[in-house]
Amino acid sequence: MIILLYIRDILYIYFFLFCFLFGYRIFYGKHSKWFILASIILIFIPYYAAFALYFFIAIFLVFLSIKSKKRELSVRILLYSLTLSYIITATGLIYRYSNLTDDFSLRLIMVYSDTIGKAILFLGMLAFVAYRMREKNEDMRQNAMELVKVEAEKSALITSQNEKLELKVKERTSELNQSLEELKATQSQLIQSEKMASLGELTAGIAHEIQNPLNFVNNFSEVSNELVDEMNEELDKGDLEEVKAISLDIKQNLEKINHHGKRADNIVKGMLQHSRSSSGTKEPTDINALADEYLRLAYHGLRAKDKSFNAELITNFDESIGKVNIVPQDMGRVILNLITNAFYAVNEKKQRDVNFKPIVSVSTKKTDEHITISVSDNGDGIPEKVKEKIFQPFFTTKPTGQGTGLGLSMSYDIVTKGHDGNLKVETAEKKGTTFIIELPN
């Protein structure tokens, strides 16, 4: 019986200790190590000191309740209910061990204090849970509002950044378009410069070609004047047969004068046609005559600069080709550019080797699918690493001032884009190079 009473007293002590620890936990959110140590020591406290412990815990809980006025409502409710439950339970226990139990009202308090205290604590815990959930919901709502606010700020920031980025893109696009227009203008000027440079290459050759028919015209004119004088003498003599023979010679001379005059006229027209901007209109053109003319003009143009230069010119034209539908100004520039490059290659090799015999050949051929124009030389050929770049704009192996690097690039565009053809190169180092123009048949 004594043991049971002792156990009951210990349980009472631990109930109050539980209230003490629970209140501390609610308020501070954690337990200190000395609280656990104190709970072990409390088992061995003297019986008469229990009432002092009850009183101390009551003061502590009241202190926490007062101090919790700045805490959440759920914490305050739980602390208030815990404090009230503790005070009622402790009061009943004190009355139980006192001598005042004869009073009926006090006996009621003693009997029902545990029940009332537990009920108050239970209701306080329910209220704590309810308010705690409401506080959590409020926190979640606040967090959601903060999240919405942050997302709105992010969205506004993204919109602002997008607007700035779009503005920068527009400015950059405008700058690029302006740069593109400037590049196009520069390219047009360079292309025109390349055309004029090729015309300059022809100038000496054209002068040479015109000089020949002019010499024939002058010679036949002088001979014709002499024949006219002879014819007048024969008329005075009355020898009509001799007059007729002389008149036939004069007629032949006039035909030759007319032929060489037309030849000079064709040379001038060709020069003017080459210097004019391309109309882009295709017309039937004698490819063989075009290639032969530019071969001779380019050759005499080079000889006008360097009298010591001589080369063997070989032509092999397929007469079955007839007239081909091309833009003559453009295709003439391509052929001239390829022939000029061929003469440049053999001339460079000739300057290093006096025993070298330059050969430049131009040939045409008609197949079922293509009409080909080939320009070949026996120069040094093109290195493989250079071959991959020769059709790139502004690429040149010539010294500064001797080439713009647009000749082959322009030629490639004229053949491929302007005539739906192909321009390819076959080369062997130290042996020579052949450029082949393929036009659709």
Foldseek 3Di string as FASTA:
>chain_A
DVVVVLVVLLVVLVVLLCLLQVLCCLQVVDDDPVSVVVNVCVSPDDPVCSLVVLVVSLVVLVVSLVVCPVPAPLSNLLSVLSSVLSVLQSQLVVLVPDPPCVDPVNVVSVVCSNVVSVVSNVVSVVSSVVSVVVVVVVVVVVVVVVVVVVVVVVVVVVVVVVVVVVVVVVVVVVVVVVVVVVVVVVVVVVVLVLLVVLLLLLPQLLVVQLVVLVVLLVVLVVVLVVLVVVLVVVVVVVPVVVNVVSVVSNVVSVVSNVVSVVSNVVSVVVSVLLNDDFPLFWDWDDPLVLLVSLLSSNVSSVCVVPVPDDAAEAEAEDPVPGTDTARSNLVSLLSNLLSNVQSVQQVVQCVVPVPDHKYWYWYWDDDPWWIKIKIKIFGFWDDPVVQVCLLPAQDDPDPPPPDRSCSNVSSQCCQCVSQVWGWHKDTDGNGIIMIMTIGTD
